């Protein structure tokens, strides 16, 4: 049982790291991040929140966490909002074939 849990944990870590890499590559490709780190961000938040976010994102430093979180937010699409906006736009009598 412990072997299965460890394997699942390893798979989760690998998946998170691959997802993080893709997000950062996308942010780099559109010019959001690069070699210059010219802004300092400061704020007070719960240490429990920071540690939980680091565990979830599988990162170890505050800088990694901030860069990843801000990249995800900046790259986030608006699919959900666009989907909700379409509510009622398809006629109710359309044949969906189901």
PDB file of N, CA and C in Angstrom:
ATOM      1  N   UNK A   1       0.816  -1.190   0.000  1.00  0.00           N
ATOM      2  CA  UNK A   1       0.000   0.000   0.000  1.00  0.00           C
ATOM      3  C   UNK A   1       0.866   1.263   0.000  1.00  0.00           C
ATOM      4  N   UNK A   2       1.934   1.238   0.801  1.00  0.00           N
ATOM      5  CA  UNK A   2       2.831   2.395   0.862  1.00  0.00           C
ATOM      6  C   UNK A   2       3.520   2.625  -0.472  1.00  0.00           C
ATOM      7  N   UNK A   3       3.825   1.544  -1.195  1.00  0.00           N
ATOM      8  CA  UNK A   3       4.462   1.663  -2.503  1.00  0.00           C
ATOM      9  C   UNK A   3       3.533   2.351  -3.486  1.00  0.00           C
ATOM     10  N   UNK A   4       2.238   2.011  -3.444  1.00  0.00           N
ATOM     11  CA  UNK A   4       1.263   2.647  -4.334  1.00  0.00           C
ATOM     12  C   UNK A   4       1.127   4.125  -4.012  1.00  0.00           C
ATOM     13  N   UNK A   5       1.095   4.465  -2.724  1.00  0.00           N
ATOM     14  CA  UNK A   5       0.989   5.863  -2.313  1.00  0.00           C
ATOM     15  C   UNK A   5       2.210   6.649  -2.754  1.00  0.00           C
ATOM     16  N   UNK A   6       3.390   6.045  -2.612  1.00  0.00           N
ATOM     17  CA  UNK A   6       4.628   6.706  -3.025  1.00  0.00           C
ATOM     18  C   UNK A   6       4.646   6.911  -4.532  1.00  0.00           C
ATOM     19  N   UNK A   7       4.197   5.904  -5.284  1.00  0.00           N
ATOM     20  CA  UNK A   7       4.153   6.016  -6.747  1.00  0.00           C
ATOM     21  C   UNK A   7       3.165   7.096  -7.176  1.00  0.00           C
ATOM     22  N   UNK A   8       2.024   7.155  -6.490  1.00  0.00           N
ATOM     23  CA  UNK A   8       1.038   8.190  -6.813  1.00  0.00           C
ATOM     24  C   UNK A   8       1.600   9.566  -6.502  1.00  0.00           C
ATOM     25  N   UNK A   9       2.320   9.679  -5.400  1.00  0.00           N
ATOM     26  CA  UNK A   9       2.930  10.947  -5.021  1.00  0.00           C
ATOM     27  C   UNK A   9       3.986  11.366  -6.042  1.00  0.00           C
ATOM     28  N   UNK A  10       4.793  10.408  -6.492  1.00  0.00           N
ATOM     29  CA  UNK A  10       5.806  10.697  -7.513  1.00  0.00           C
ATOM     30  C   UNK A  10       5.155  11.143  -8.817  1.00  0.00           C
ATOM     31  N   UNK A  11       4.073  10.478  -9.188  1.00  0.00           N
ATOM     32  CA  UNK A  11       3.367  10.832 -10.424  1.00  0.00           C
ATOM     33  C   UNK A  11       2.761  12.225 -10.311  1.00  0.00           C
ATOM     34  N   UNK A  12       2.206  12.532  -9.142  1.00  0.00           N
ATOM     35  CA  UNK A  12       1.617  13.856  -8.916  1.00  0.00           C
ATOM     36  C   UNK A  12       2.692  14.937  -8.995  1.00  0.00           C
ATOM     37  N   UNK A  13       3.833  14.673  -8.402  1.00  0.00           N
ATOM     38  CA  UNK A  13       4.948  15.625  -8.440  1.00  0.00           C
ATOM     39  C   UNK A  13       5.418  15.845  -9.874  1.00  0.00           C
ATOM     40  N   UNK A  14       5.582  14.765 -10.616  1.00  0.00           N
ATOM     41  CA  UNK A  14       6.029  14.872 -12.010  1.00  0.00           C
ATOM     42  C   UNK A  14       5.024  15.646 -12.847  1.00  0.00           C
ATOM     43  N   UNK A  15       3.750  15.392 -12.631  1.00  0.00           N
ATOM     44  CA  UNK A  15       2.703  16.101 -13.371  1.00  0.00           C
ATOM     45  C   UNK A  15       2.727  17.589 -13.038  1.00  0.00           C
ATOM     46  N   UNK A  16       2.834  17.910 -11.759  1.00  0.00           N
ATOM     47  CA  UNK A  16       2.866  19.315 -11.341  1.00  0.00           C
ATOM     48  C   UNK A  16       4.086  20.024 -11.912  1.00  0.00           C
ATOM     49  N   UNK A  17       5.234  19.358 -11.885  1.00  0.00           N
ATOM     50  CA  UNK A  17       6.445  19.975 -12.425  1.00  0.00           C
ATOM     51  C   UNK A  17       6.345  20.192 -13.929  1.00  0.00           C
ATOM     52  N   UNK A  18       5.742  19.250 -14.646  1.00  0.00           N
ATOM     53  CA  UNK A  18       5.555  19.415 -16.094  1.00  0.00           C
ATOM     54  C   UNK A  18       4.597  20.566 -16.376  1.00  0.00           C
ATOM     55  N   UNK A  19       3.517  20.644 -15.600  1.00  0.00           N
ATOM     56  CA  UNK A  19       2.543  21.731 -15.770  1.00  0.00           C
ATOM     57  C   UNK A  19       3.193  23.075 -15.468  1.00  0.00           C
ATOM     58  N   UNK A  20       3.979  23.137 -14.391  1.00  0.00           N
ATOM     59  CA  UNK A  20       4.669  24.376 -14.043  1.00  0.00           C
ATOM     60  C   UNK A  20       5.617  24.808 -15.149  1.00  0.00           C
ATOM     61  N   UNK A  21       6.352  23.847 -15.696  1.00  0.00           N
ATOM     62  CA  UNK A  21       7.294  24.148 -16.775  1.00  0.00           C
ATOM     63  C   UNK A  21       6.570  24.728 -17.980  1.00  0.00           C
ATOM     64  N   UNK A  22       5.428  24.146 -18.333  1.00  0.00           N
ATOM     65  CA  UNK A  22       4.654  24.648 -19.479  1.00  0.00           C
ATOM     66  C   UNK A  22       4.145  26.063 -19.237  1.00  0.00           C
ATOM     67  N   UNK A  23       3.652  26.318 -18.042  1.00  0.00           N
ATOM     68  CA  UNK A  23       3.154  27.661 -17.718  1.00  0.00           C
ATOM     69  C   UNK A  23       4.271  28.684 -17.833  1.00  0.00           C
ATOM     70  N   UNK A  24       5.434  28.362 -17.265  1.00  0.00           N
ATOM     71  CA  UNK A  24       6.549  29.301 -17.311  1.00  0.00           C
ATOM     72  C   UNK A  24       7.082  29.481 -18.727  1.00  0.00           C
ATOM     73  N   UNK A  25       7.064  28.412 -19.529  1.00  0.00           N
ATOM     74  CA  UNK A  25       7.473  28.532 -20.935  1.00  0.00           C
ATOM     75  C   UNK A  25       6.513  29.431 -21.703  1.00  0.00           C
ATOM     76  N   UNK A  26       5.214  29.289 -21.434  1.00  0.00           N
ATOM     77  CA  UNK A  26       4.226  30.155 -22.094  1.00  0.00           C
ATOM     78  C   UNK A  26       4.439  31.606 -21.691  1.00  0.00           C
ATOM     79  N   UNK A  27       4.637  31.837 -20.407  1.00  0.00           N
ATOM     80  CA  UNK A  27       4.848  33.201 -19.925  1.00  0.00           C
ATOM     81  C   UNK A  27       6.111  33.802 -20.539  1.00  0.00           C
ATOM     82  N   UNK A  28       7.139  32.991 -20.664  1.00  0.00           N
ATOM     83  CA  UNK A  28       8.395  33.445 -21.282  1.00  0.00           C
ATOM     84  C   UNK A  28       8.166  33.761 -22.764  1.00  0.00           C
ATOM     85  N   UNK A  29       7.400  32.898 -23.445  1.00  0.00           N
ATOM     86  CA  UNK A  29       7.156  33.062 -24.886  1.00  0.00           C
ATOM     87  C   UNK A  29       6.406  34.350 -25.209  1.00  0.00           C
ATOM     88  N   UNK A  30       5.531  34.784 -24.305  1.00  0.00           N
ATOM     89  CA  UNK A  30       4.790  36.024 -24.569  1.00  0.00           C
ATOM     90  C   UNK A  30       5.436  37.237 -23.899  1.00  0.00           C
ATOM     91  N   UNK A  31       6.631  37.037 -23.350  1.00  0.00           N
ATOM     92  CA  UNK A  31       7.396  38.156 -22.817  1.00  0.00           C
ATOM     93  C   UNK A  31       7.039  38.585 -21.404  1.00  0.00           C
ATOM     94  N   UNK A  32       6.315  37.742 -20.664  1.00  0.00           N
ATOM     95  CA  UNK A  32       5.947  38.116 -19.309  1.00  0.00           C
ATOM     96  C   UNK A  32       7.082  37.901 -18.316  1.00  0.00           C
ATOM     97  N   UNK A  33       7.905  36.914 -18.579  1.00  0.00           N
ATOM     98  CA  UNK A  33       9.061  36.671 -17.714  1.00  0.00           C
ATOM     99  C   UNK A  33      10.287  36.502 -18.582  1.00  0.00           C
ATOM    100  N   UNK A  34      11.410  36.759 -18.003  1.00  0.00           N
ATOM    101  CA  UNK A  34      12.674  36.644 -18.728  1.00  0.00           C
ATOM    102  C   UNK A  34      13.820  36.749 -17.763  1.00  0.00           C
ATOM    103  N   UNK A  35      14.907  37.291 -18.240  1.00  0.00           N
ATOM    104  CA  UNK A  35      16.098  37.365 -17.402  1.00  0.00           C
ATOM    105  C   UNK A  35      16.047  38.519 -16.404  1.00  0.00           C
ATOM    106  N   UNK A  36      15.387  39.601 -16.750  1.00  0.00           N
ATOM    107  CA  UNK A  36      15.341  40.763 -15.860  1.00  0.00           C
ATOM    108  C   UNK A  36      14.286  40.570 -14.779  1.00  0.00           C
ATOM    109  N   UNK A  37      14.715  40.655 -13.546  1.00  0.00           N
ATOM    110  CA  UNK A  37      13.781  40.650 -12.415  1.00  0.00           C
ATOM    111  C   UNK A  37      13.936  42.007 -11.761  1.00  0.00           C
ATOM    112  N   UNK A  38      13.080  42.935 -12.186  1.00  0.00           N
ATOM    113  CA  UNK A  38      13.287  44.326 -11.824  1.00  0.00           C
ATOM    114  C   UNK A  38      12.207  44.906 -10.914  1.00  0.00           C
ATOM    115  N   UNK A  39      11.347  44.059 -10.361  1.00  0.00           N
ATOM    116  CA  UNK A  39      10.310  44.551  -9.465  1.00  0.00           C
ATOM    117  C   UNK A  39      10.260  43.694  -8.212  1.00  0.00           C
ATOM    118  N   UNK A  40      10.126  44.357  -7.104  1.00  0.00           N
ATOM    119  CA  UNK A  40      10.000  43.637  -5.834  1.00  0.00           C
ATOM    120  C   UNK A  40       8.544  43.696  -5.408  1.00  0.00           C
ATOM    121  N   UNK A  41       8.025  42.569  -4.966  1.00  0.00           N
ATOM    122  CA  UNK A  41       6.640  42.461  -4.517  1.00  0.00           C
ATOM    123  C   UNK A  41       6.662  42.119  -3.039  1.00  0.00           C
ATOM    124  N   UNK A  42       5.893  42.835  -2.260  1.00  0.00           N
ATOM    125  CA  UNK A  42       5.897  42.599  -0.823  1.00  0.00           C
ATOM    126  C   UNK A  42       4.470  42.599  -0.313  1.00  0.00           C
ATOM    127  N   UNK A  43       4.216  41.758   0.636  1.00  0.00           N
ATOM    128  CA  UNK A  43       2.894  41.710   1.255  1.00  0.00           C
ATOM    129  C   UNK A  43       2.923  40.781   2.447  1.00  0.00           C
ATOM    130  N   UNK A  44       1.905  40.854   3.257  1.00  0.00           N
ATOM    131  CA  UNK A  44       1.809  40.005   4.437  1.00  0.00           C
ATOM    132  C   UNK A  44       0.666  39.019   4.225  1.00  0.00           C
ATOM    133  N   UNK A  45       0.985  37.746   4.269  1.00  0.00           N
ATOM    134  CA  UNK A  45      -0.019  36.694   4.153  1.00  0.00           C
ATOM    135  C   UNK A  45       0.292  35.599   5.170  1.00  0.00           C
ATOM    136  N   UNK A  46      -0.648  34.742   5.377  1.00  0.00           N
ATOM    137  CA  UNK A  46      -0.484  33.636   6.316  1.00  0.00           C
ATOM    138  C   UNK A  46       0.608  32.681   5.851  1.00  0.00           C
ATOM    139  N   UNK A  47       1.471  32.297   6.771  1.00  0.00           N
ATOM    140  CA  UNK A  47       2.514  31.326   6.427  1.00  0.00           C
ATOM    141  C   UNK A  47       1.895  29.983   6.052  1.00  0.00           C
ATOM    142  N   UNK A  48       0.743  29.657   6.642  1.00  0.00           N
ATOM    143  CA  UNK A  48       0.050  28.413   6.283  1.00  0.00           C
ATOM    144  C   UNK A  48      -0.386  28.440   4.821  1.00  0.00           C
ATOM    145  N   UNK A  49      -0.852  29.597   4.358  1.00  0.00           N
ATOM    146  CA  UNK A  49      -1.257  29.739   2.959  1.00  0.00           C
ATOM    147  C   UNK A  49      -0.056  29.539   2.038  1.00  0.00           C
ATOM    148  N   UNK A  50       1.045  30.154   2.367  1.00  0.00           N
ATOM    149  CA  UNK A  50       2.257  30.035   1.544  1.00  0.00           C
ATOM    150  C   UNK A  50       2.719  28.588   1.488  1.00  0.00           C
ATOM    151  N   UNK A  51       2.792  27.928   2.620  1.00  0.00           N
ATOM    152  CA  UNK A  51       3.263  26.538   2.658  1.00  0.00           C
ATOM    153  C   UNK A  51       2.307  25.605   1.910  1.00  0.00           C
ATOM    154  N   UNK A  52       1.010  25.817   2.055  1.00  0.00           N
ATOM    155  CA  UNK A  52       0.026  24.989   1.341  1.00  0.00           C
ATOM    156  C   UNK A  52       0.145  25.198  -0.167  1.00  0.00           C
ATOM    157  N   UNK A  53       0.344  26.439  -0.588  1.00  0.00           N
ATOM    158  CA  UNK A  53       0.481  26.734  -2.016  1.00  0.00           C
ATOM    159  C   UNK A  53       1.761  26.130  -2.574  1.00  0.00           C
ATOM    160  N   UNK A  54       2.839  26.197  -1.811  1.00  0.00           N
ATOM    161  CA  UNK A  54       4.105  25.595  -2.249  1.00  0.00           C
ATOM    162  C   UNK A  54       3.960  24.088  -2.406  1.00  0.00           C
ATOM    163  N   UNK A  55       3.312  23.454  -1.421  1.00  0.00           N
ATOM    164  CA  UNK A  55       3.101  21.999  -1.517  1.00  0.00           C
ATOM    165  C   UNK A  55       2.258  21.659  -2.735  1.00  0.00           C
ATOM    166  N   UNK A  56       1.206  22.410  -2.944  1.00  0.00           N
ATOM    167  CA  UNK A  56       0.293  22.143  -4.066  1.00  0.00           C
ATOM    168  C   UNK A  56       0.993  22.344  -5.410  1.00  0.00           C
ATOM    169  N   UNK A  57       1.826  23.382  -5.492  1.00  0.00           N
ATOM    170  CA  UNK A  57       2.525  23.699  -6.741  1.00  0.00           C
ATOM    171  C   UNK A  57       3.830  22.922  -6.893  1.00  0.00           C
ATOM    172  N   UNK A  58       4.245  22.262  -5.829  1.00  0.00           N
ATOM    173  CA  UNK A  58       5.504  21.507  -5.838  1.00  0.00           C
ATOM    174  C   UNK A  58       6.699  22.419  -6.130  1.00  0.00           C
ATOM    175  N   UNK A  59       6.731  23.554  -5.437  1.00  0.00           N
ATOM    176  CA  UNK A  59       7.874  24.467  -5.518  1.00  0.00           C
ATOM    177  C   UNK A  59       8.416  24.667  -4.109  1.00  0.00           C
ATOM    178  N   UNK A  60       9.632  25.171  -4.006  1.00  0.00           N
ATOM    179  CA  UNK A  60      10.244  25.309  -2.690  1.00  0.00           C
ATOM    180  C   UNK A  60      10.493  26.749  -2.267  1.00  0.00           C
ATOM    181  N   UNK A  61      10.622  27.663  -3.206  1.00  0.00           N
ATOM    182  CA  UNK A  61      10.943  29.042  -2.814  1.00  0.00           C
ATOM    183  C   UNK A  61       9.754  29.978  -3.012  1.00  0.00           C
ATOM    184  N   UNK A  62       9.753  31.052  -2.246  1.00  0.00           N
ATOM    185  CA  UNK A  62       8.706  32.069  -2.385  1.00  0.00           C
ATOM    186  C   UNK A  62       8.725  32.681  -3.780  1.00  0.00           C
ATOM    187  N   UNK A  63       9.931  32.911  -4.316  1.00  0.00           N
ATOM    188  CA  UNK A  63      10.061  33.502  -5.646  1.00  0.00           C
ATOM    189  C   UNK A  63       9.464  32.590  -6.711  1.00  0.00           C
ATOM    190  N   UNK A  64       9.763  31.299  -6.635  1.00  0.00           N
ATOM    191  CA  UNK A  64       9.181  30.341  -7.587  1.00  0.00           C
ATOM    192  C   UNK A  64       7.658  30.371  -7.509  1.00  0.00           C
ATOM    193  N   UNK A  65       7.147  30.390  -6.278  1.00  0.00           N
ATOM    194  CA  UNK A  65       5.705  30.387  -6.070  1.00  0.00           C
ATOM    195  C   UNK A  65       5.062  31.630  -6.672  1.00  0.00           C
ATOM    196  N   UNK A  66       5.640  32.786  -6.393  1.00  0.00           N
ATOM    197  CA  UNK A  66       5.091  34.034  -6.929  1.00  0.00           C
ATOM    198  C   UNK A  66       5.141  34.075  -8.455  1.00  0.00           C
ATOM    199  N   UNK A  67       6.265  33.689  -9.021  1.00  0.00           N
ATOM    200  CA  UNK A  67       6.407  33.715 -10.476  1.00  0.00           C
ATOM    201  C   UNK A  67       5.405  32.776 -11.137  1.00  0.00           C
ATOM    202  N   UNK A  68       5.248  31.594 -10.579  1.00  0.00           N
ATOM    203  CA  UNK A  68       4.310  30.629 -11.127  1.00  0.00           C
ATOM    204  C   UNK A  68       2.867  31.111 -10.969  1.00  0.00           C
ATOM    205  N   UNK A  69       2.521  31.571  -9.784  1.00  0.00           N
ATOM    206  CA  UNK A  69       1.153  32.023  -9.530  1.00  0.00           C
ATOM    207  C   UNK A  69       0.783  33.217 -10.408  1.00  0.00           C
ATOM    208  N   UNK A  70       1.681  34.180 -10.519  1.00  0.00           N
ATOM    209  CA  UNK A  70       1.403  35.355 -11.346  1.00  0.00           C
ATOM    210  C   UNK A  70       1.339  34.989 -12.825  1.00  0.00           C
ATOM    211  N   UNK A  71       2.184  34.059 -13.253  1.00  0.00           N
ATOM    212  CA  UNK A  71       2.140  33.611 -14.650  1.00  0.00           C
ATOM    213  C   UNK A  71       0.811  32.921 -14.951  1.00  0.00           C
ATOM    214  N   UNK A  72       0.386  32.056 -14.045  1.00  0.00           N
ATOM    215  CA  UNK A  72      -0.904  31.371 -14.240  1.00  0.00           C
ATOM    216  C   UNK A  72      -2.047  32.371 -14.330  1.00  0.00           C
ATOM    217  N   UNK A  73      -2.032  33.348 -13.447  1.00  0.00           N
ATOM    218  CA  UNK A  73      -3.085  34.355 -13.449  1.00  0.00           C
ATOM    219  C   UNK A  73      -3.055  35.190 -14.728  1.00  0.00           C
ATOM    220  N   UNK A  74      -1.880  35.595 -15.147  1.00  0.00           N
ATOM    221  CA  UNK A  74      -1.752  36.428 -16.347  1.00  0.00           C
ATOM    222  C   UNK A  74      -2.134  35.674 -17.606  1.00  0.00           C
ATOM    223  N   UNK A  75      -1.896  34.372 -17.629  1.00  0.00           N
ATOM    224  CA  UNK A  75      -2.181  33.565 -18.818  1.00  0.00           C
ATOM    225  C   UNK A  75      -3.567  32.932 -18.805  1.00  0.00           C
ATOM    226  N   UNK A  76      -4.260  33.046 -17.690  1.00  0.00           N
ATOM    227  CA  UNK A  76      -5.563  32.397 -17.542  1.00  0.00           C
ATOM    228  C   UNK A  76      -6.518  32.832 -18.653  1.00  0.00           C
ATOM    229  N   UNK A  77      -7.193  31.841 -19.217  1.00  0.00           N
ATOM    230  CA  UNK A  77      -8.157  32.195 -20.264  1.00  0.00           C
ATOM    231  C   UNK A  77      -9.503  32.525 -19.620  1.00  0.00           C
ATOM    232  N   UNK A  78     -10.407  33.032 -20.424  1.00  0.00           N
ATOM    233  CA  UNK A  78     -11.712  33.418 -19.905  1.00  0.00           C
ATOM    234  C   UNK A  78     -12.805  32.462 -20.383  1.00  0.00           C
ATOM    235  N   UNK A  79     -12.457  31.181 -20.542  1.00  0.00           N
ATOM    236  CA  UNK A  79     -13.396  30.194 -21.063  1.00  0.00           C
ATOM    237  C   UNK A  79     -14.677  30.129 -20.237  1.00  0.00           C
ATOM    238  N   UNK A  80     -14.543  30.067 -18.926  1.00  0.00           N
ATOM    239  CA  UNK A  80     -15.729  29.962 -18.069  1.00  0.00           C
ATOM    240  C   UNK A  80     -16.672  31.139 -18.258  1.00  0.00           C
ATOM    241  N   UNK A  81     -16.132  32.325 -18.257  1.00  0.00           N
ATOM    242  CA  UNK A  81     -16.959  33.531 -18.430  1.00  0.00           C
ATOM    243  C   UNK A  81     -17.611  33.547 -19.810  1.00  0.00           C
ATOM    244  N   UNK A  82     -16.848  33.158 -20.833  1.00  0.00           N
ATOM    245  CA  UNK A  82     -17.416  33.134 -22.185  1.00  0.00           C
ATOM    246  C   UNK A  82     -18.515  32.087 -22.300  1.00  0.00           C
ATOM    247  N   UNK A  83     -18.338  30.944 -21.649  1.00  0.00           N
ATOM    248  CA  UNK A  83     -19.347  29.896 -21.679  1.00  0.00           C
ATOM    249  C   UNK A  83     -20.637  30.374 -21.018  1.00  0.00           C
ATOM    250  N   UNK A  84     -20.517  30.997 -19.858  1.00  0.00           N
ATOM    251  CA  UNK A  84     -21.696  31.506 -19.155  1.00  0.00           C
ATOM    252  C   UNK A  84     -22.381  32.587 -19.988  1.00  0.00           C
ATOM    253  N   UNK A  85     -21.613  33.427 -20.656  1.00  0.00           N
ATOM    254  CA  UNK A  85     -22.192  34.484 -21.504  1.00  0.00           C
ATOM    255  C   UNK A  85     -23.024  33.915 -22.641  1.00  0.00           C
ATOM    256  N   UNK A  86     -22.730  32.693 -23.059  1.00  0.00           N
ATOM    257  CA  UNK A  86     -23.452  32.078 -24.177  1.00  0.00           C
ATOM    258  C   UNK A  86     -24.774  31.443 -23.753  1.00  0.00           C
ATOM    259  N   UNK A  87     -25.041  31.407 -22.452  1.00  0.00           N
ATOM    260  CA  UNK A  87     -26.262  30.783 -21.953  1.00  0.00           C
ATOM    261  C   UNK A  87     -27.476  31.376 -22.656  1.00  0.00           C
ATOM    262  N   UNK A  88     -28.286  30.476 -23.180  1.00  0.00           N
ATOM    263  CA  UNK A  88     -29.503  30.892 -23.857  1.00  0.00           C
ATOM    264  C   UNK A  88     -29.308  31.275 -25.311  1.00  0.00           C
ATOM    265  N   UNK A  89     -28.097  31.181 -25.839  1.00  0.00           N
ATOM    266  CA  UNK A  89     -27.841  31.599 -27.210  1.00  0.00           C
ATOM    267  C   UNK A  89     -28.125  30.488 -28.224  1.00  0.00           C
ATOM    268  N   UNK A  90     -28.295  29.258 -27.764  1.00  0.00           N
ATOM    269  CA  UNK A  90     -28.624  28.149 -28.664  1.00  0.00           C
ATOM    270  C   UNK A  90     -30.125  27.906 -28.578  1.00  0.00           C
ATOM    271  N   UNK A  91     -30.794  27.888 -29.708  1.00  0.00           N
ATOM    272  CA  UNK A  91     -32.251  27.688 -29.685  1.00  0.00           C
ATOM    273  C   UNK A  91     -32.609  26.362 -28.989  1.00  0.00           C
ATOM    274  N   UNK A  92     -33.684  26.395 -28.207  1.00  0.00           N
ATOM    275  CA  UNK A  92     -34.101  25.217 -27.444  1.00  0.00           C
ATOM    276  C   UNK A  92     -34.630  24.111 -28.340  1.00  0.00           C
ATOM    277  N   UNK A  93     -35.033  24.445 -29.566  1.00  0.00           N
ATOM    278  CA  UNK A  93     -35.593  23.412 -30.453  1.00  0.00           C
ATOM    279  C   UNK A  93     -34.564  22.797 -31.389  1.00  0.00           C
ATOM    280  N   UNK A  94     -33.283  23.081 -31.174  1.00  0.00           N
ATOM    281  CA  UNK A  94     -32.242  22.530 -32.034  1.00  0.00           C
ATOM    282  C   UNK A  94     -32.078  21.025 -31.756  1.00  0.00           C
ATOM    283  N   UNK A  95     -31.879  20.243 -32.808  1.00  0.00           N
ATOM    284  CA  UNK A  95     -31.697  18.805 -32.675  1.00  0.00           C
ATOM    285  C   UNK A  95     -30.221  18.506 -32.463  1.00  0.00           C
ATOM    286  N   UNK A  96     -29.886  18.086 -31.243  1.00  0.00           N
ATOM    287  CA  UNK A  96     -28.500  17.786 -30.912  1.00  0.00           C
ATOM    288  C   UNK A  96     -28.116  16.362 -31.246  1.00  0.00           C
ATOM    289  N   UNK A  97     -29.086  15.559 -31.654  1.00  0.00           N
ATOM    290  CA  UNK A  97     -28.797  14.182 -32.079  1.00  0.00           C
ATOM    291  C   UNK A  97     -28.473  13.245 -30.927  1.00  0.00           C
ATOM    292  N   UNK A  98     -28.923  13.570 -29.737  1.00  0.00           N
ATOM    293  CA  UNK A  98     -28.692  12.661 -28.615  1.00  0.00           C
ATOM    294  C   UNK A  98     -29.980  12.075 -28.095  1.00  0.00           C
TER     295      UNK A  98
END
